[in-house]
Amino acid sequence: MGKGTNFSGQPIFTQLLNLLDKSKISKASKALGAYKYVKRFTSHKHIVVMLFVAFEGYNSIRETVLGLLSNAHRLGHLGLDYVVRRSTLSEANARRTPEIFARVYYDTYRRYSGSLADSS
């Protein structure tokens, strides 16, 4: 496989994560105060975990952590260096405002809206 920028040969989830801008996530997180009480579980890691939840179709935190544990050998590819604990994920969901997810979504949408299909 070549090292082109057309994403050939990469899983869809990895392609999606490559579209996210870590610096914009960091700026949004700082602006919203989402770094309070955070040691290791940054906003970027939180977004990666929540996208993983959406792709896998999990309905609970317990399912999410078990799914991450079952894929622990692949977490490095997602940018995660450890499996998040249930309590950490629960506290992050409670403390972080959903506004950060909205900002990341709309920023990514604005950046790539020109290359999206215009038909439904």
PDB file of N, CA and C in Angstrom:
ATOM      1  N   MET A   1       0.821  -1.177   0.000  1.00  0.00           N
ATOM      2  CA  MET A   1       0.000   0.000   0.000  1.00  0.00           C
ATOM      3  C   MET A   1       0.868   1.244   0.000  1.00  0.00           C
ATOM      4  N   GLY A   2       0.487   2.207  -0.788  1.00  0.00           N
ATOM      5  CA  GLY A   2       1.206   3.472  -0.811  1.00  0.00           C
ATOM      6  C   GLY A   2       0.858   4.337   0.377  1.00  0.00           C
ATOM      7  N   LYS A   3       1.595   5.400   0.536  1.00  0.00           N
ATOM      8  CA  LYS A   3       1.345   6.309   1.650  1.00  0.00           C
ATOM      9  C   LYS A   3       0.604   7.544   1.177  1.00  0.00           C
ATOM     10  N   GLY A   4      -0.338   7.370   0.293  1.00  0.00           N
ATOM     11  CA  GLY A   4      -1.113   8.477  -0.235  1.00  0.00           C
ATOM     12  C   GLY A   4      -2.077   9.026   0.804  1.00  0.00           C
ATOM     13  N   THR A   5      -2.716  10.100   0.452  1.00  0.00           N
ATOM     14  CA  THR A   5      -3.656  10.737   1.375  1.00  0.00           C
ATOM     15  C   THR A   5      -5.106  10.387   1.055  1.00  0.00           C
ATOM     16  N   ASN A   6      -5.326   9.393   0.207  1.00  0.00           N
ATOM     17  CA  ASN A   6      -6.692   9.059  -0.189  1.00  0.00           C
ATOM     18  C   ASN A   6      -7.325   7.987   0.690  1.00  0.00           C
ATOM     19  N   PHE A   7      -6.704   7.636   1.786  1.00  0.00           N
ATOM     20  CA  PHE A   7      -7.268   6.743   2.794  1.00  0.00           C
ATOM     21  C   PHE A   7      -7.480   5.310   2.321  1.00  0.00           C
ATOM     22  N   SER A   8      -6.904   4.875   1.233  1.00  0.00           N
ATOM     23  CA  SER A   8      -7.156   3.508   0.776  1.00  0.00           C
ATOM     24  C   SER A   8      -6.526   2.512   1.743  1.00  0.00           C
ATOM     25  N   GLY A   9      -7.292   1.487   2.076  1.00  0.00           N
ATOM     26  CA  GLY A   9      -6.796   0.443   2.951  1.00  0.00           C
ATOM     27  C   GLY A   9      -6.963   0.716   4.432  1.00  0.00           C
ATOM     28  N   GLN A  10      -7.481   1.874   4.803  1.00  0.00           N
ATOM     29  CA  GLN A  10      -7.679   2.199   6.211  1.00  0.00           C
ATOM     30  C   GLN A  10      -9.126   1.914   6.606  1.00  0.00           C
ATOM     31  N   PRO A  11      -9.348   1.454   7.833  1.00  0.00           N
ATOM     32  CA  PRO A  11     -10.729   1.267   8.298  1.00  0.00           C
ATOM     33  C   PRO A  11     -11.489   2.606   8.314  1.00  0.00           C
ATOM     34  N   ILE A  12     -12.792   2.525   8.182  1.00  0.00           N
ATOM     35  CA  ILE A  12     -13.617   3.731   8.135  1.00  0.00           C
ATOM     36  C   ILE A  12     -13.477   4.542   9.422  1.00  0.00           C
ATOM     37  N   PHE A  13     -13.388   3.863  10.552  1.00  0.00           N
ATOM     38  CA  PHE A  13     -13.267   4.581  11.823  1.00  0.00           C
ATOM     39  C   PHE A  13     -11.969   5.382  11.879  1.00  0.00           C
ATOM     40  N   THR A  14     -10.883   4.816  11.384  1.00  0.00           N
ATOM     41  CA  THR A  14      -9.604   5.521  11.345  1.00  0.00           C
ATOM     42  C   THR A  14      -9.690   6.716  10.400  1.00  0.00           C
ATOM     43  N   GLN A  15     -10.365   6.557   9.292  1.00  0.00           N
ATOM     44  CA  GLN A  15     -10.545   7.664   8.360  1.00  0.00           C
ATOM     45  C   GLN A  15     -11.316   8.797   9.018  1.00  0.00           C
ATOM     46  N   LEU A  16     -12.352   8.453   9.753  1.00  0.00           N
ATOM     47  CA  LEU A  16     -13.141   9.463  10.453  1.00  0.00           C
ATOM     48  C   LEU A  16     -12.302  10.196  11.487  1.00  0.00           C
ATOM     49  N   LEU A  17     -11.498   9.473  12.252  1.00  0.00           N
ATOM     50  CA  LEU A  17     -10.655  10.099  13.268  1.00  0.00           C
ATOM     51  C   LEU A  17      -9.600  11.004  12.640  1.00  0.00           C
ATOM     52  N   ASN A  18      -9.131  10.664  11.446  1.00  0.00           N
ATOM     53  CA  ASN A  18      -8.156  11.508  10.763  1.00  0.00           C
ATOM     54  C   ASN A  18      -8.751  12.833  10.310  1.00  0.00           C
ATOM     55  N   LEU A  19     -10.069  12.908  10.200  1.00  0.00           N
ATOM     56  CA  LEU A  19     -10.730  14.157   9.805  1.00  0.00           C
ATOM     57  C   LEU A  19     -10.859  15.131  10.968  1.00  0.00           C
ATOM     58  N   LEU A  20     -10.749  14.652  12.188  1.00  0.00           N
ATOM     59  CA  LEU A  20     -10.879  15.517  13.363  1.00  0.00           C
ATOM     60  C   LEU A  20      -9.589  16.294  13.586  1.00  0.00           C
ATOM     61  N   ASP A  21      -9.728  17.558  13.957  1.00  0.00           N
ATOM     62  CA  ASP A  21      -8.586  18.421  14.222  1.00  0.00           C
ATOM     63  C   ASP A  21      -8.361  18.506  15.731  1.00  0.00           C
ATOM     64  N   LYS A  22      -7.259  17.903  16.202  1.00  0.00           N
ATOM     65  CA  LYS A  22      -6.982  17.869  17.646  1.00  0.00           C
ATOM     66  C   LYS A  22      -6.808  19.263  18.227  1.00  0.00           C
ATOM     67  N   SER A  23      -6.234  20.175  17.467  1.00  0.00           N
ATOM     68  CA  SER A  23      -6.023  21.527  17.999  1.00  0.00           C
ATOM     69  C   SER A  23      -7.353  22.247  18.199  1.00  0.00           C
ATOM     70  N   LYS A  24      -8.307  22.044  17.299  1.00  0.00           N
ATOM     71  CA  LYS A  24      -9.641  22.662  17.467  1.00  0.00           C
ATOM     72  C   LYS A  24     -10.364  22.060  18.667  1.00  0.00           C
ATOM     73  N   ILE A  25     -10.198  20.759  18.868  1.00  0.00           N
ATOM     74  CA  ILE A  25     -10.814  20.110  20.027  1.00  0.00           C
ATOM     75  C   ILE A  25     -10.227  20.681  21.309  1.00  0.00           C
ATOM     76  N   SER A  26      -8.920  20.851  21.320  1.00  0.00           N
ATOM     77  CA  SER A  26      -8.235  21.400  22.496  1.00  0.00           C
ATOM     78  C   SER A  26      -8.686  22.829  22.778  1.00  0.00           C
ATOM     79  N   LYS A  27      -8.799  23.649  21.727  1.00  0.00           N
ATOM     80  CA  LYS A  27      -9.243  25.033  21.896  1.00  0.00           C
ATOM     81  C   LYS A  27     -10.677  25.092  22.418  1.00  0.00           C
ATOM     82  N   ALA A  28     -11.548  24.279  21.851  1.00  0.00           N
ATOM     83  CA  ALA A  28     -12.950  24.250  22.297  1.00  0.00           C
ATOM     84  C   ALA A  28     -13.038  23.784  23.739  1.00  0.00           C
ATOM     85  N   SER A  29     -12.222  22.814  24.092  1.00  0.00           N
ATOM     86  CA  SER A  29     -12.226  22.285  25.448  1.00  0.00           C
ATOM     87  C   SER A  29     -11.774  23.342  26.456  1.00  0.00           C
ATOM     88  N   LYS A  30     -10.742  24.074  26.102  1.00  0.00           N
ATOM     89  CA  LYS A  30     -10.264  25.137  26.989  1.00  0.00           C
ATOM     90  C   LYS A  30     -11.277  26.265  27.104  1.00  0.00           C
ATOM     91  N   ALA A  31     -11.911  26.610  25.983  1.00  0.00           N
ATOM     92  CA  ALA A  31     -12.895  27.692  25.997  1.00  0.00           C
ATOM     93  C   ALA A  31     -14.109  27.344  26.855  1.00  0.00           C
ATOM     94  N   LEU A  32     -14.477  26.072  26.881  1.00  0.00           N
ATOM     95  CA  LEU A  32     -15.654  25.639  27.635  1.00  0.00           C
ATOM     96  C   LEU A  32     -15.312  25.163  29.043  1.00  0.00           C
ATOM     97  N   GLY A  33     -14.027  25.178  29.399  1.00  0.00           N
ATOM     98  CA  GLY A  33     -13.619  24.728  30.724  1.00  0.00           C
ATOM     99  C   GLY A  33     -13.748  23.233  30.923  1.00  0.00           C
ATOM    100  N   ALA A  34     -13.594  22.468  29.851  1.00  0.00           N
ATOM    101  CA  ALA A  34     -13.757  21.016  29.936  1.00  0.00           C
ATOM    102  C   ALA A  34     -12.515  20.312  30.466  1.00  0.00           C
ATOM    103  N   TYR A  35     -11.440  21.056  30.727  1.00  0.00           N
ATOM    104  CA  TYR A  35     -10.227  20.449  31.257  1.00  0.00           C
ATOM    105  C   TYR A  35     -10.188  20.459  32.784  1.00  0.00           C
ATOM    106  N   LYS A  36     -11.219  20.986  33.416  1.00  0.00           N
ATOM    107  CA  LYS A  36     -11.259  20.980  34.877  1.00  0.00           C
ATOM    108  C   LYS A  36     -11.377  19.546  35.375  1.00  0.00           C
ATOM    109  N   TYR A  37     -10.623  19.233  36.402  1.00  0.00           N
ATOM    110  CA  TYR A  37     -10.657  17.921  37.066  1.00  0.00           C
ATOM    111  C   TYR A  37     -10.221  16.781  36.156  1.00  0.00           C
ATOM    112  N   VAL A  38      -9.455  17.073  35.109  1.00  0.00           N
ATOM    113  CA  VAL A  38      -9.035  16.047  34.163  1.00  0.00           C
ATOM    114  C   VAL A  38      -7.549  15.790  34.334  1.00  0.00           C
ATOM    115  N   LYS A  39      -7.197  14.509  34.425  1.00  0.00           N
ATOM    116  CA  LYS A  39      -5.790  14.138  34.498  1.00  0.00           C
ATOM    117  C   LYS A  39      -5.341  13.524  33.183  1.00  0.00           C
ATOM    118  N   ARG A  40      -5.970  12.430  32.780  1.00  0.00           N
ATOM    119  CA  ARG A  40      -5.538  11.706  31.584  1.00  0.00           C
ATOM    120  C   ARG A  40      -6.602  11.637  30.493  1.00  0.00           C
ATOM    121  N   PHE A  41      -7.861  11.648  30.866  1.00  0.00           N
ATOM    122  CA  PHE A  41      -8.939  11.435  29.908  1.00  0.00           C
ATOM    123  C   PHE A  41      -9.330  12.774  29.277  1.00  0.00           C
ATOM    124  N   THR A  42      -8.589  13.151  28.237  1.00  0.00           N
ATOM    125  CA  THR A  42      -8.795  14.445  27.593  1.00  0.00           C
ATOM    126  C   THR A  42     -10.075  14.451  26.765  1.00  0.00           C
ATOM    127  N   SER A  43     -10.432  15.619  26.296  1.00  0.00           N
ATOM    128  CA  SER A  43     -11.630  15.752  25.474  1.00  0.00           C
ATOM    129  C   SER A  43     -11.496  14.990  24.165  1.00  0.00           C
ATOM    130  N   HIS A  44     -10.297  14.975  23.604  1.00  0.00           N
ATOM    131  CA  HIS A  44     -10.096  14.223  22.358  1.00  0.00           C
ATOM    132  C   HIS A  44     -10.336  12.733  22.589  1.00  0.00           C
ATOM    133  N   LYS A  45      -9.804  12.203  23.671  1.00  0.00           N
ATOM    134  CA  LYS A  45     -10.016  10.787  23.977  1.00  0.00           C
ATOM    135  C   LYS A  45     -11.489  10.513  24.247  1.00  0.00           C
ATOM    136  N   HIS A  46     -12.156  11.456  24.892  1.00  0.00           N
ATOM    137  CA  HIS A  46     -13.585  11.318  25.166  1.00  0.00           C
ATOM    138  C   HIS A  46     -14.365  11.253  23.851  1.00  0.00           C
ATOM    139  N   ILE A  47     -14.015  12.099  22.905  1.00  0.00           N
ATOM    140  CA  ILE A  47     -14.696  12.091  21.611  1.00  0.00           C
ATOM    141  C   ILE A  47     -14.433  10.781  20.875  1.00  0.00           C
ATOM    142  N   VAL A  48     -13.208  10.290  20.930  1.00  0.00           N
ATOM    143  CA  VAL A  48     -12.883   9.014  20.280  1.00  0.00           C
ATOM    144  C   VAL A  48     -13.715   7.883  20.887  1.00  0.00           C
ATOM    145  N   VAL A  49     -13.810   7.851  22.207  1.00  0.00           N
ATOM    146  CA  VAL A  49     -14.603   6.806  22.874  1.00  0.00           C
ATOM    147  C   VAL A  49     -16.073   6.930  22.504  1.00  0.00           C
ATOM    148  N   MET A  50     -16.604   8.148  22.468  1.00  0.00           N
ATOM    149  CA  MET A  50     -18.017   8.319  22.147  1.00  0.00           C
ATOM    150  C   MET A  50     -18.313   7.967  20.685  1.00  0.00           C
ATOM    151  N   LEU A  51     -17.371   8.229  19.776  1.00  0.00           N
ATOM    152  CA  LEU A  51     -17.542   7.791  18.392  1.00  0.00           C
ATOM    153  C   LEU A  51     -17.499   6.269  18.303  1.00  0.00           C
ATOM    154  N   PHE A  52     -16.626   5.649  19.092  1.00  0.00           N
ATOM    155  CA  PHE A  52     -16.557   4.189  19.167  1.00  0.00           C
ATOM    156  C   PHE A  52     -17.903   3.627  19.639  1.00  0.00           C
ATOM    157  N   VAL A  53     -18.498   4.270  20.627  1.00  0.00           N
ATOM    158  CA  VAL A  53     -19.808   3.857  21.147  1.00  0.00           C
ATOM    159  C   VAL A  53     -20.858   3.944  20.036  1.00  0.00           C
ATOM    160  N   ALA A  54     -20.830   5.041  19.290  1.00  0.00           N
ATOM    161  CA  ALA A  54     -21.816   5.222  18.224  1.00  0.00           C
ATOM    162  C   ALA A  54     -21.640   4.186  17.113  1.00  0.00           C
ATOM    163  N   PHE A  55     -20.395   3.912  16.733  1.00  0.00           N
ATOM    164  CA  PHE A  55     -20.145   2.937  15.667  1.00  0.00           C
ATOM    165  C   PHE A  55     -20.518   1.529  16.094  1.00  0.00           C
ATOM    166  N   GLU A  56     -20.244   1.179  17.334  1.00  0.00           N
ATOM    167  CA  GLU A  56     -20.520  -0.174  17.811  1.00  0.00           C
ATOM    168  C   GLU A  56     -21.970  -0.356  18.256  1.00  0.00           C
ATOM    169  N   GLY A  57     -22.682   0.728  18.514  1.00  0.00           N
ATOM    170  CA  GLY A  57     -24.086   0.643  18.910  1.00  0.00           C
ATOM    171  C   GLY A  57     -24.287   0.239  20.364  1.00  0.00           C
ATOM    172  N   TYR A  58     -23.373   0.625  21.228  1.00  0.00           N
ATOM    173  CA  TYR A  58     -23.490   0.288  22.642  1.00  0.00           C
ATOM    174  C   TYR A  58     -24.540   1.171  23.309  1.00  0.00           C
ATOM    175  N   ASN A  59     -25.162   0.623  24.369  1.00  0.00           N
ATOM    176  CA  ASN A  59     -26.223   1.338  25.071  1.00  0.00           C
ATOM    177  C   ASN A  59     -25.887   1.701  26.502  1.00  0.00           C
ATOM    178  N   SER A  60     -24.754   1.235  27.013  1.00  0.00           N
ATOM    179  CA  SER A  60     -24.420   1.522  28.405  1.00  0.00           C
ATOM    180  C   SER A  60     -22.913   1.694  28.559  1.00  0.00           C
ATOM    181  N   ILE A  61     -22.539   2.258  29.671  1.00  0.00           N
ATOM    182  CA  ILE A  61     -21.126   2.458  29.964  1.00  0.00           C
ATOM    183  C   ILE A  61     -20.441   1.110  30.169  1.00  0.00           C
ATOM    184  N   ARG A  62     -21.134   0.184  30.794  1.00  0.00           N
ATOM    185  CA  ARG A  62     -20.560  -1.144  31.006  1.00  0.00           C
ATOM    186  C   ARG A  62     -20.257  -1.824  29.667  1.00  0.00           C
ATOM    187  N   GLU A  63     -21.200  -1.754  28.733  1.00  0.00           N
ATOM    188  CA  GLU A  63     -20.977  -2.316  27.403  1.00  0.00           C
ATOM    189  C   GLU A  63     -19.790  -1.644  26.710  1.00  0.00           C
ATOM    190  N   THR A  64     -19.699  -0.336  26.869  1.00  0.00           N
ATOM    191  CA  THR A  64     -18.619   0.420  26.250  1.00  0.00           C
ATOM    192  C   THR A  64     -17.265  -0.038  26.758  1.00  0.00           C
ATOM    193  N   VAL A  65     -17.123  -0.146  28.070  1.00  0.00           N
ATOM    194  CA  VAL A  65     -15.845  -0.542  28.651  1.00  0.00           C
ATOM    195  C   VAL A  65     -15.504  -1.979  28.271  1.00  0.00           C
ATOM    196  N   LEU A  66     -16.490  -2.859  28.251  1.00  0.00           N
ATOM    197  CA  LEU A  66     -16.238  -4.240  27.824  1.00  0.00           C
ATOM    198  C   LEU A  66     -15.829  -4.294  26.351  1.00  0.00           C
ATOM    199  N   GLY A  67     -16.454  -3.458  25.526  1.00  0.00           N
ATOM    200  CA  GLY A  67     -16.074  -3.390  24.117  1.00  0.00           C
ATOM    201  C   GLY A  67     -14.666  -2.863  23.939  1.00  0.00           C
ATOM    202  N   LEU A  68     -14.290  -1.864  24.732  1.00  0.00           N
ATOM    203  CA  LEU A  68     -12.921  -1.347  24.674  1.00  0.00           C
ATOM    204  C   LEU A  68     -11.923  -2.402  25.151  1.00  0.00           C
ATOM    205  N   LEU A  69     -12.291  -3.132  26.196  1.00  0.00           N
ATOM    206  CA  LEU A  69     -11.414  -4.198  26.690  1.00  0.00           C
ATOM    207  C   LEU A  69     -11.225  -5.301  25.652  1.00  0.00           C
ATOM    208  N   SER A  70     -12.288  -5.630  24.940  1.00  0.00           N
ATOM    209  CA  SER A  70     -12.174  -6.687  23.931  1.00  0.00           C
ATOM    210  C   SER A  70     -11.339  -6.240  22.734  1.00  0.00           C
ATOM    211  N   ASN A  71     -11.209  -4.937  22.553  1.00  0.00           N
ATOM    212  CA  ASN A  71     -10.386  -4.391  21.475  1.00  0.00           C
ATOM    213  C   ASN A  71      -9.147  -3.699  22.010  1.00  0.00           C
ATOM    214  N   ALA A  72      -8.687  -4.096  23.178  1.00  0.00           N
ATOM    215  CA  ALA A  72      -7.573  -3.416  23.845  1.00  0.00           C
ATOM    216  C   ALA A  72      -6.301  -3.435  23.007  1.00  0.00           C
ATOM    217  N   HIS A  73      -6.096  -4.485  22.240  1.00  0.00           N
ATOM    218  CA  HIS A  73      -4.888  -4.562  21.418  1.00  0.00           C
ATOM    219  C   HIS A  73      -4.911  -3.598  20.238  1.00  0.00           C
ATOM    220  N   ARG A  74      -6.063  -3.002  19.948  1.00  0.00           N
ATOM    221  CA  ARG A  74      -6.193  -2.063  18.827  1.00  0.00           C
ATOM    222  C   ARG A  74      -6.334  -0.610  19.266  1.00  0.00           C
ATOM    223  N   LEU A  75      -6.344  -0.362  20.557  1.00  0.00           N
ATOM    224  CA  LEU A  75      -6.606   0.995  21.036  1.00  0.00           C
ATOM    225  C   LEU A  75      -5.535   1.988  20.615  1.00  0.00           C
ATOM    226  N   GLY A  76      -4.323   1.533  20.439  1.00  0.00           N
ATOM    227  CA  GLY A  76      -3.253   2.423  19.992  1.00  0.00           C
ATOM    228  C   GLY A  76      -3.553   3.040  18.633  1.00  0.00           C
ATOM    229  N   HIS A  77      -4.254   2.313  17.784  1.00  0.00           N
ATOM    230  CA  HIS A  77      -4.620   2.824  16.468  1.00  0.00           C
ATOM    231  C   HIS A  77      -5.650   3.950  16.581  1.00  0.00           C
ATOM    232  N   LEU A  78      -6.385   3.974  17.673  1.00  0.00           N
ATOM    233  CA  LEU A  78      -7.397   5.009  17.878  1.00  0.00           C
ATOM    234  C   LEU A  78      -6.851   6.219  18.620  1.00  0.00           C
ATOM    235  N   GLY A  79      -5.626   6.127  19.062  1.00  0.00           N
ATOM    236  CA  GLY A  79      -5.044   7.228  19.820  1.00  0.00           C
ATOM    237  C   GLY A  79      -5.285   7.107  21.310  1.00  0.00           C
ATOM    238  N   LEU A  80      -5.746   5.960  21.758  1.00  0.00           N
ATOM    239  CA  LEU A  80      -5.982   5.726  23.179  1.00  0.00           C
ATOM    240  C   LEU A  80      -4.839   4.883  23.725  1.00  0.00           C
ATOM    241  N   ASP A  81      -4.279   5.286  24.849  1.00  0.00           N
ATOM    242  CA  ASP A  81      -3.155   4.541  25.411  1.00  0.00           C
ATOM    243  C   ASP A  81      -3.548   3.670  26.597  1.00  0.00           C
ATOM    244  N   TYR A  82      -4.817   3.666  26.947  1.00  0.00           N
ATOM    245  CA  TYR A  82      -5.318   2.829  28.028  1.00  0.00           C
ATOM    246  C   TYR A  82      -6.823   2.666  27.872  1.00  0.00           C
ATOM    247  N   VAL A  83      -7.386   1.668  28.546  1.00  0.00           N
ATOM    248  CA  VAL A  83      -8.835   1.465  28.555  1.00  0.00           C
ATOM    249  C   VAL A  83      -9.412   2.309  29.679  1.00  0.00           C
ATOM    250  N   VAL A  84     -10.344   3.150  29.327  1.00  0.00           N
ATOM    251  CA  VAL A  84     -10.953   4.041  30.313  1.00  0.00           C
ATOM    252  C   VAL A  84     -11.826   3.228  31.274  1.00  0.00           C
ATOM    253  N   ARG A  85     -11.837   3.612  32.518  1.00  0.00           N
ATOM    254  CA  ARG A  85     -12.669   2.948  33.534  1.00  0.00           C
ATOM    255  C   ARG A  85     -14.097   3.462  33.451  1.00  0.00           C
ATOM    256  N   ARG A  86     -15.021   2.652  33.962  1.00  0.00           N
ATOM    257  CA  ARG A  86     -16.437   3.057  33.965  1.00  0.00           C
ATOM    258  C   ARG A  86     -16.639   4.349  34.727  1.00  0.00           C
ATOM    259  N   SER A  87     -16.016   4.469  35.882  1.00  0.00           N
ATOM    260  CA  SER A  87     -16.211   5.662  36.702  1.00  0.00           C
ATOM    261  C   SER A  87     -15.666   6.910  36.005  1.00  0.00           C
ATOM    262  N   THR A  88     -14.523   6.776  35.335  1.00  0.00           N
ATOM    263  CA  THR A  88     -13.940   7.914  34.627  1.00  0.00           C
ATOM    264  C   THR A  88     -14.834   8.352  33.478  1.00  0.00           C
ATOM    265  N   LEU A  89     -15.344   7.410  32.716  1.00  0.00           N
ATOM    266  CA  LEU A  89     -16.228   7.736  31.604  1.00  0.00           C
ATOM    267  C   LEU A  89     -17.534   8.337  32.111  1.00  0.00           C
ATOM    268  N   SER A  90     -18.054   7.804  33.181  1.00  0.00           N
ATOM    269  CA  SER A  90     -19.284   8.331  33.755  1.00  0.00           C
ATOM    270  C   SER A  90     -19.099   9.765  34.246  1.00  0.00           C
ATOM    271  N   GLU A  91     -17.996  10.016  34.943  1.00  0.00           N
ATOM    272  CA  GLU A  91     -17.725  11.376  35.431  1.00  0.00           C
ATOM    273  C   GLU A  91     -17.493  12.338  34.277  1.00  0.00           C
ATOM    274  N   ALA A  92     -16.799  11.887  33.237  1.00  0.00           N
ATOM    275  CA  ALA A  92     -16.563  12.749  32.073  1.00  0.00           C
ATOM    276  C   ALA A  92     -17.882  13.089  31.381  1.00  0.00           C
ATOM    277  N   ASN A  93     -18.772  12.114  31.263  1.00  0.00           N
ATOM    278  CA  ASN A  93     -20.077  12.369  30.655  1.00  0.00           C
ATOM    279  C   ASN A  93     -20.895  13.353  31.482  1.00  0.00           C
ATOM    280  N   ALA A  94     -20.755  13.280  32.793  1.00  0.00           N
ATOM    281  CA  ALA A  94     -21.520  14.172  33.663  1.00  0.00           C
ATOM    282  C   ALA A  94     -20.929  15.584  33.715  1.00  0.00           C
ATOM    283  N   ARG A  95     -19.610  15.676  33.727  1.00  0.00           N
ATOM    284  CA  ARG A  95     -18.952  16.979  33.909  1.00  0.00           C
ATOM    285  C   ARG A  95     -18.773  17.773  32.629  1.00  0.00           C
ATOM    286  N   ARG A  96     -18.483  17.100  31.541  1.00  0.00           N
ATOM    287  CA  ARG A  96     -18.222  17.817  30.292  1.00  0.00           C
ATOM    288  C   ARG A  96     -19.532  18.195  29.631  1.00  0.00           C
ATOM    289  N   THR A  97     -19.582  19.421  29.197  1.00  0.00           N
ATOM    290  CA  THR A  97     -20.778  19.901  28.523  1.00  0.00           C
ATOM    291  C   THR A  97     -20.884  19.290  27.123  1.00  0.00           C
ATOM    292  N   PRO A  98     -22.087  18.972  26.680  1.00  0.00           N
ATOM    293  CA  PRO A  98     -22.260  18.428  25.334  1.00  0.00           C
ATOM    294  C   PRO A  98     -21.901  19.450  24.249  1.00  0.00           C
ATOM    295  N   GLU A  99     -21.751  20.694  24.651  1.00  0.00           N
ATOM    296  CA  GLU A  99     -21.390  21.749  23.707  1.00  0.00           C
ATOM    297  C   GLU A  99     -20.069  21.443  23.001  1.00  0.00           C
ATOM    298  N   ILE A 100     -19.159  20.769  23.678  1.00  0.00           N
ATOM    299  CA  ILE A 100     -17.871  20.452  23.063  1.00  0.00           C
ATOM    300  C   ILE A 100     -18.049  19.507  21.879  1.00  0.00           C
ATOM    301  N   PHE A 101     -18.942  18.539  21.999  1.00  0.00           N
ATOM    302  CA  PHE A 101     -19.217  17.617  20.903  1.00  0.00           C
ATOM    303  C   PHE A 101     -19.873  18.361  19.735  1.00  0.00           C
ATOM    304  N   ALA A 102     -20.763  19.290  20.068  1.00  0.00           N
ATOM    305  CA  ALA A 102     -21.420  20.086  19.029  1.00  0.00           C
ATOM    306  C   ALA A 102     -20.405  20.949  18.286  1.00  0.00           C
ATOM    307  N   ARG A 103     -19.498  21.570  19.004  1.00  0.00           N
ATOM    308  CA  ARG A 103     -18.486  22.412  18.348  1.00  0.00           C
ATOM    309  C   ARG A 103     -17.593  21.596  17.430  1.00  0.00           C
ATOM    310  N   VAL A 104     -17.189  20.435  17.879  1.00  0.00           N
ATOM    311  CA  VAL A 104     -16.331  19.576  17.052  1.00  0.00           C
ATOM    312  C   VAL A 104     -17.098  19.133  15.808  1.00  0.00           C
ATOM    313  N   TYR A 105     -18.357  18.768  15.981  1.00  0.00           N
ATOM    314  CA  TYR A 105     -19.168  18.346  14.845  1.00  0.00           C
ATOM    315  C   TYR A 105     -19.309  19.467  13.822  1.00  0.00           C
ATOM    316  N   TYR A 106     -19.719  20.658  14.279  1.00  0.00           N
ATOM    317  CA  TYR A 106     -19.948  21.759  13.348  1.00  0.00           C
ATOM    318  C   TYR A 106     -18.658  22.257  12.717  1.00  0.00           C
ATOM    319  N   ASP A 107     -17.556  22.216  13.444  1.00  0.00           N
ATOM    320  CA  ASP A 107     -16.275  22.597  12.856  1.00  0.00           C
ATOM    321  C   ASP A 107     -15.887  21.621  11.752  1.00  0.00           C
ATOM    322  N   THR A 108     -16.027  20.339  12.024  1.00  0.00           N
ATOM    323  CA  THR A 108     -15.697  19.320  11.021  1.00  0.00           C
ATOM    324  C   THR A 108     -16.649  19.419   9.834  1.00  0.00           C
ATOM    325  N   TYR A 109     -17.916  19.652  10.103  1.00  0.00           N
ATOM    326  CA  TYR A 109     -18.905  19.785   9.033  1.00  0.00           C
ATOM    327  C   TYR A 109     -18.584  20.986   8.150  1.00  0.00           C
ATOM    328  N   ARG A 110     -18.271  22.134   8.759  1.00  0.00           N
ATOM    329  CA  ARG A 110     -17.937  23.332   7.982  1.00  0.00           C
ATOM    330  C   ARG A 110     -16.699  23.105   7.116  1.00  0.00           C
ATOM    331  N   ARG A 111     -15.717  22.418   7.676  1.00  0.00           N
ATOM    332  CA  ARG A 111     -14.465  22.213   6.962  1.00  0.00           C
ATOM    333  C   ARG A 111     -14.644  21.304   5.750  1.00  0.00           C
ATOM    334  N   TYR A 112     -15.517  20.304   5.841  1.00  0.00           N
ATOM    335  CA  TYR A 112     -15.661  19.322   4.768  1.00  0.00           C
ATOM    336  C   TYR A 112     -17.001  19.386   4.041  1.00  0.00           C
ATOM    337  N   SER A 113     -17.810  20.411   4.284  1.00  0.00           N
ATOM    338  CA  SER A 113     -19.133  20.476   3.664  1.00  0.00           C
ATOM    339  C   SER A 113     -19.061  20.585   2.151  1.00  0.00           C
ATOM    340  N   GLY A 114     -18.001  21.158   1.634  1.00  0.00           N
ATOM    341  CA  GLY A 114     -17.858  21.287   0.181  1.00  0.00           C
ATOM    342  C   GLY A 114     -17.676  19.955  -0.525  1.00  0.00           C
ATOM    343  N   SER A 115     -17.168  18.965   0.171  1.00  0.00           N
ATOM    344  CA  SER A 115     -16.931  17.664  -0.462  1.00  0.00           C
ATOM    345  C   SER A 115     -18.015  16.637  -0.134  1.00  0.00           C
ATOM    346  N   LEU A 116     -19.080  17.060   0.541  1.00  0.00           N
ATOM    347  CA  LEU A 116     -20.185  16.155   0.846  1.00  0.00           C
ATOM    348  C   LEU A 116     -21.191  16.147  -0.293  1.00  0.00           C
ATOM    349  N   ALA A 117     -21.890  15.050  -0.469  1.00  0.00           N
ATOM    350  CA  ALA A 117     -22.927  14.966  -1.500  1.00  0.00           C
ATOM    351  C   ALA A 117     -24.085  15.874  -1.123  1.00  0.00           C
ATOM    352  N   ASP A 118     -24.673  16.527  -2.121  1.00  0.00           N
ATOM    353  CA  ASP A 118     -25.753  17.459  -1.832  1.00  0.00           C
ATOM    354  C   ASP A 118     -27.139  16.827  -1.938  1.00  0.00           C
ATOM    355  N   SER A 119     -27.229  15.576  -2.343  1.00  0.00           N
ATOM    356  CA  SER A 119     -28.527  14.922  -2.446  1.00  0.00           C
ATOM    357  C   SER A 119     -28.764  14.059  -1.220  1.00  0.00           C
ATOM    358  N   SER A 120     -30.016  13.866  -0.887  1.00  0.00           N
ATOM    359  CA  SER A 120     -30.329  13.016   0.261  1.00  0.00           C
ATOM    360  C   SER A 120     -30.499  11.612  -0.207  1.00  0.00           C
TER     361      SER A 120
END
